C-alpha cells in the first residue's frame, strides 16, 4: 500500500516536472516518458546506460568536491 502511494506521488511530481520542461523546450521538441513512447529493447538499454554514466559522473564530482582526486580514488 505504501509503495503504491509513493509511486502515485512520484508520478504526480514527474508530471509536474514534465509540464515545466515543456514550457522550457521549443514547441517542436516534445518530452515524452519512455513508457509512453514506442521503442525497442536497445532504446531502453541505451537509456539505462546513459543514466548510469550520469550517476557515476555525479558521484565522482561529489567525491572530488570533498577533496578526493583521481589518484586518491584509484587507491581506494
N, C-alpha and C. Protein backbone atom coordinates (compact mmCIF):
# COMPACT_ATOMS: atom_id res chain seq x y z
N UNK A 1 0.82 -1.19 0.00
CA UNK A 1 0.00 0.00 0.00
C UNK A 1 0.86 1.26 0.00
N UNK A 2 1.89 1.27 0.85
CA UNK A 2 2.78 2.43 0.91
C UNK A 2 3.53 2.61 -0.41
N UNK A 3 3.91 1.49 -1.03
CA UNK A 3 4.62 1.57 -2.31
C UNK A 3 3.72 2.18 -3.38
N UNK A 4 2.45 1.81 -3.37
CA UNK A 4 1.52 2.38 -4.35
C UNK A 4 1.37 3.88 -4.14
N UNK A 5 1.32 4.32 -2.89
CA UNK A 5 1.22 5.75 -2.59
C UNK A 5 2.48 6.49 -3.04
N UNK A 6 3.65 5.91 -2.77
CA UNK A 6 4.90 6.53 -3.20
C UNK A 6 4.97 6.62 -4.72
N UNK A 7 4.50 5.56 -5.38
CA UNK A 7 4.51 5.55 -6.84
C UNK A 7 3.60 6.65 -7.38
N UNK A 8 2.44 6.78 -6.79
CA UNK A 8 1.49 7.81 -7.22
C UNK A 8 2.06 9.20 -6.99
N UNK A 9 2.68 9.41 -5.84
CA UNK A 9 3.28 10.71 -5.55
C UNK A 9 4.42 11.01 -6.51
N UNK A 10 5.24 10.00 -6.81
CA UNK A 10 6.35 10.18 -7.74
C UNK A 10 5.83 10.53 -9.12
N UNK A 11 4.78 9.83 -9.58
CA UNK A 11 4.22 10.10 -10.90
C UNK A 11 3.64 11.50 -10.97
N UNK A 12 3.01 11.98 -9.89
CA UNK A 12 2.47 13.33 -9.86
C UNK A 12 3.59 14.36 -9.97
N UNK A 13 4.69 14.14 -9.23
CA UNK A 13 5.84 15.04 -9.30
C UNK A 13 6.46 15.02 -10.69
N UNK A 14 6.51 13.83 -11.28
CA UNK A 14 7.09 13.69 -12.62
C UNK A 14 6.24 14.42 -13.65
N UNK A 15 4.92 14.31 -13.54
CA UNK A 15 4.04 15.02 -14.48
C UNK A 15 4.22 16.54 -14.35
N UNK A 16 4.36 17.02 -13.12
CA UNK A 16 4.57 18.45 -12.91
C UNK A 16 5.90 18.89 -13.53
N UNK A 17 6.93 18.08 -13.34
CA UNK A 17 8.24 18.39 -13.93
C UNK A 17 8.16 18.37 -15.45
N UNK A 18 7.41 17.43 -16.01
CA UNK A 18 7.26 17.34 -17.47
C UNK A 18 6.57 18.60 -18.00
N UNK A 19 5.60 19.11 -17.26
CA UNK A 19 4.93 20.34 -17.68
C UNK A 19 5.91 21.51 -17.69
N UNK A 20 6.78 21.57 -16.70
CA UNK A 20 7.77 22.64 -16.65
C UNK A 20 8.78 22.50 -17.79
N UNK A 21 9.16 21.26 -18.10
CA UNK A 21 10.10 21.03 -19.21
C UNK A 21 9.47 21.47 -20.52
N UNK A 22 8.19 21.17 -20.70
CA UNK A 22 7.51 21.57 -21.93
C UNK A 22 7.48 23.08 -22.09
N UNK A 23 7.39 23.81 -20.98
CA UNK A 23 7.42 25.27 -21.06
C UNK A 23 8.77 25.78 -21.52
N UNK A 24 9.82 25.06 -21.16
CA UNK A 24 11.18 25.49 -21.46
C UNK A 24 11.58 25.13 -22.89
N UNK A 25 11.19 23.95 -23.32
CA UNK A 25 11.60 23.49 -24.64
C UNK A 25 10.84 24.21 -25.74
N UNK A 26 11.43 24.25 -26.91
CA UNK A 26 10.76 24.81 -28.08
C UNK A 26 9.52 23.99 -28.39
N UNK A 27 8.61 24.57 -29.11
CA UNK A 27 7.36 23.89 -29.42
C UNK A 27 7.58 22.65 -30.30
N UNK A 28 8.69 22.60 -31.02
CA UNK A 28 8.97 21.44 -31.87
C UNK A 28 9.46 20.24 -31.08
N UNK A 29 10.03 20.49 -29.92
CA UNK A 29 10.53 19.41 -29.09
C UNK A 29 9.43 19.00 -28.13
N UNK A 30 9.29 17.70 -27.94
CA UNK A 30 8.24 17.21 -27.07
C UNK A 30 8.82 16.13 -26.16
N UNK A 31 8.94 16.46 -24.89
CA UNK A 31 9.47 15.49 -23.93
C UNK A 31 8.43 14.41 -23.67
N UNK A 32 8.86 13.16 -23.71
CA UNK A 32 7.98 12.02 -23.50
C UNK A 32 8.58 11.08 -22.48
N UNK A 33 7.74 10.46 -21.69
CA UNK A 33 8.21 9.41 -20.80
C UNK A 33 8.54 8.18 -21.64
N UNK A 34 9.58 7.43 -21.26
CA UNK A 34 9.92 6.24 -22.03
C UNK A 34 8.76 5.25 -22.13
N UNK A 35 7.94 5.17 -21.08
CA UNK A 35 6.83 4.22 -21.10
C UNK A 35 5.73 4.65 -22.07
N UNK A 36 5.69 5.93 -22.45
CA UNK A 36 4.66 6.44 -23.36
C UNK A 36 5.10 6.42 -24.82
N UNK A 37 6.34 6.14 -25.06
CA UNK A 37 6.90 6.21 -26.41
C UNK A 37 7.21 4.81 -26.92
N UNK A 38 6.92 4.59 -28.21
CA UNK A 38 7.26 3.30 -28.82
C UNK A 38 8.78 3.22 -28.96
N UNK A 39 9.35 2.11 -28.50
CA UNK A 39 10.80 1.96 -28.55
C UNK A 39 11.14 0.47 -28.51
N UNK A 40 12.39 0.20 -28.79
CA UNK A 40 12.85 -1.18 -28.79
C UNK A 40 13.66 -1.46 -27.52
N UNK A 41 14.02 -2.70 -27.34
CA UNK A 41 14.82 -3.10 -26.18
C UNK A 41 16.13 -2.32 -26.15
N UNK A 42 16.75 -2.14 -27.31
CA UNK A 42 18.02 -1.42 -27.39
C UNK A 42 17.88 0.02 -26.89
N UNK A 43 16.73 0.64 -27.18
CA UNK A 43 16.50 2.00 -26.71
C UNK A 43 16.47 2.04 -25.18
N UNK A 44 15.79 1.07 -24.58
CA UNK A 44 15.72 1.02 -23.12
C UNK A 44 17.11 0.81 -22.53
N UNK A 45 17.87 -0.09 -23.13
CA UNK A 45 19.22 -0.37 -22.63
C UNK A 45 20.09 0.87 -22.76
N UNK A 46 19.99 1.56 -23.87
CA UNK A 46 20.77 2.79 -24.08
C UNK A 46 20.40 3.85 -23.05
N UNK A 47 19.12 3.98 -22.77
CA UNK A 47 18.66 4.96 -21.79
C UNK A 47 19.22 4.65 -20.40
N UNK A 48 19.16 3.39 -20.00
CA UNK A 48 19.69 2.98 -18.70
C UNK A 48 21.20 3.20 -18.65
N UNK A 49 21.89 2.89 -19.74
CA UNK A 49 23.34 3.08 -19.79
C UNK A 49 23.70 4.56 -19.62
N UNK A 50 22.98 5.43 -20.28
CA UNK A 50 23.25 6.87 -20.17
C UNK A 50 23.03 7.37 -18.75
N UNK A 51 21.93 6.94 -18.14
CA UNK A 51 21.66 7.37 -16.77
C UNK A 51 22.68 6.81 -15.80
N UNK A 52 23.17 5.61 -16.07
CA UNK A 52 24.21 5.02 -15.22
C UNK A 52 25.49 5.85 -15.31
N UNK A 53 25.86 6.23 -16.51
CA UNK A 53 27.06 7.07 -16.69
C UNK A 53 26.90 8.42 -16.02
N UNK A 54 25.69 9.01 -16.14
CA UNK A 54 25.45 10.29 -15.48
C UNK A 54 25.53 10.16 -13.97
N UNK A 55 25.01 9.06 -13.44
CA UNK A 55 25.05 8.83 -12.00
C UNK A 55 26.49 8.67 -11.52
N UNK A 56 27.27 7.90 -12.25
CA UNK A 56 28.68 7.70 -11.87
C UNK A 56 29.45 9.02 -11.94
N UNK A 57 29.20 9.80 -12.98
CA UNK A 57 29.88 11.09 -13.11
C UNK A 57 29.50 12.01 -11.95
N UNK A 58 28.24 11.97 -11.57
CA UNK A 58 27.79 12.78 -10.45
C UNK A 58 28.47 12.36 -9.15
N UNK A 59 28.61 11.07 -8.95
CA UNK A 59 29.28 10.57 -7.75
C UNK A 59 30.75 10.99 -7.72
N UNK A 60 31.42 10.88 -8.85
CA UNK A 60 32.83 11.27 -8.92
C UNK A 60 32.97 12.77 -8.66
N UNK A 61 32.07 13.58 -9.22
CA UNK A 61 32.11 15.02 -8.98
C UNK A 61 31.87 15.33 -7.50
N UNK A 62 30.96 14.59 -6.88
CA UNK A 62 30.70 14.81 -5.45
C UNK A 62 31.93 14.48 -4.62
N UNK A 63 32.58 13.36 -4.95
CA UNK A 63 33.79 12.98 -4.22
C UNK A 63 34.91 13.99 -4.45
N UNK A 64 35.00 14.50 -5.67
CA UNK A 64 36.03 15.50 -5.99
C UNK A 64 35.78 16.78 -5.19
N UNK A 65 34.53 17.14 -5.00
CA UNK A 65 34.25 18.35 -4.23
C UNK A 65 34.60 18.16 -2.75
N UNK A 66 34.71 16.91 -2.32
CA UNK A 66 35.13 16.61 -0.95
C UNK A 66 36.65 16.54 -0.81
N UNK A 67 37.35 16.72 -1.94
CA UNK A 67 38.80 16.73 -1.90
C UNK A 67 39.46 15.46 -2.39
N UNK A 68 38.68 14.52 -2.88
CA UNK A 68 39.27 13.29 -3.42
C UNK A 68 39.56 13.48 -4.89
N UNK A 69 40.83 13.35 -5.27
CA UNK A 69 41.19 13.48 -6.68
C UNK A 69 41.30 12.08 -7.29
N UNK A 70 41.66 12.01 -8.58
CA UNK A 70 41.73 10.73 -9.27
C UNK A 70 42.75 9.79 -8.63
N UNK A 71 43.86 10.32 -8.19
CA UNK A 71 44.87 9.48 -7.54
C UNK A 71 44.34 8.82 -6.28
N UNK A 72 43.68 9.59 -5.45
CA UNK A 72 43.11 9.05 -4.22
C UNK A 72 41.99 8.07 -4.50
N UNK A 73 41.20 8.35 -5.54
CA UNK A 73 40.11 7.43 -5.89
C UNK A 73 40.64 6.10 -6.41
N UNK A 74 41.75 6.12 -7.13
CA UNK A 74 42.33 4.89 -7.66
C UNK A 74 42.95 4.05 -6.54
N UNK A 75 43.40 4.70 -5.49
CA UNK A 75 43.97 3.96 -4.36
C UNK A 75 42.88 3.23 -3.58
N UNK A 76 41.69 3.78 -3.60
CA UNK A 76 40.57 3.21 -2.81
C UNK A 76 40.01 1.97 -3.42
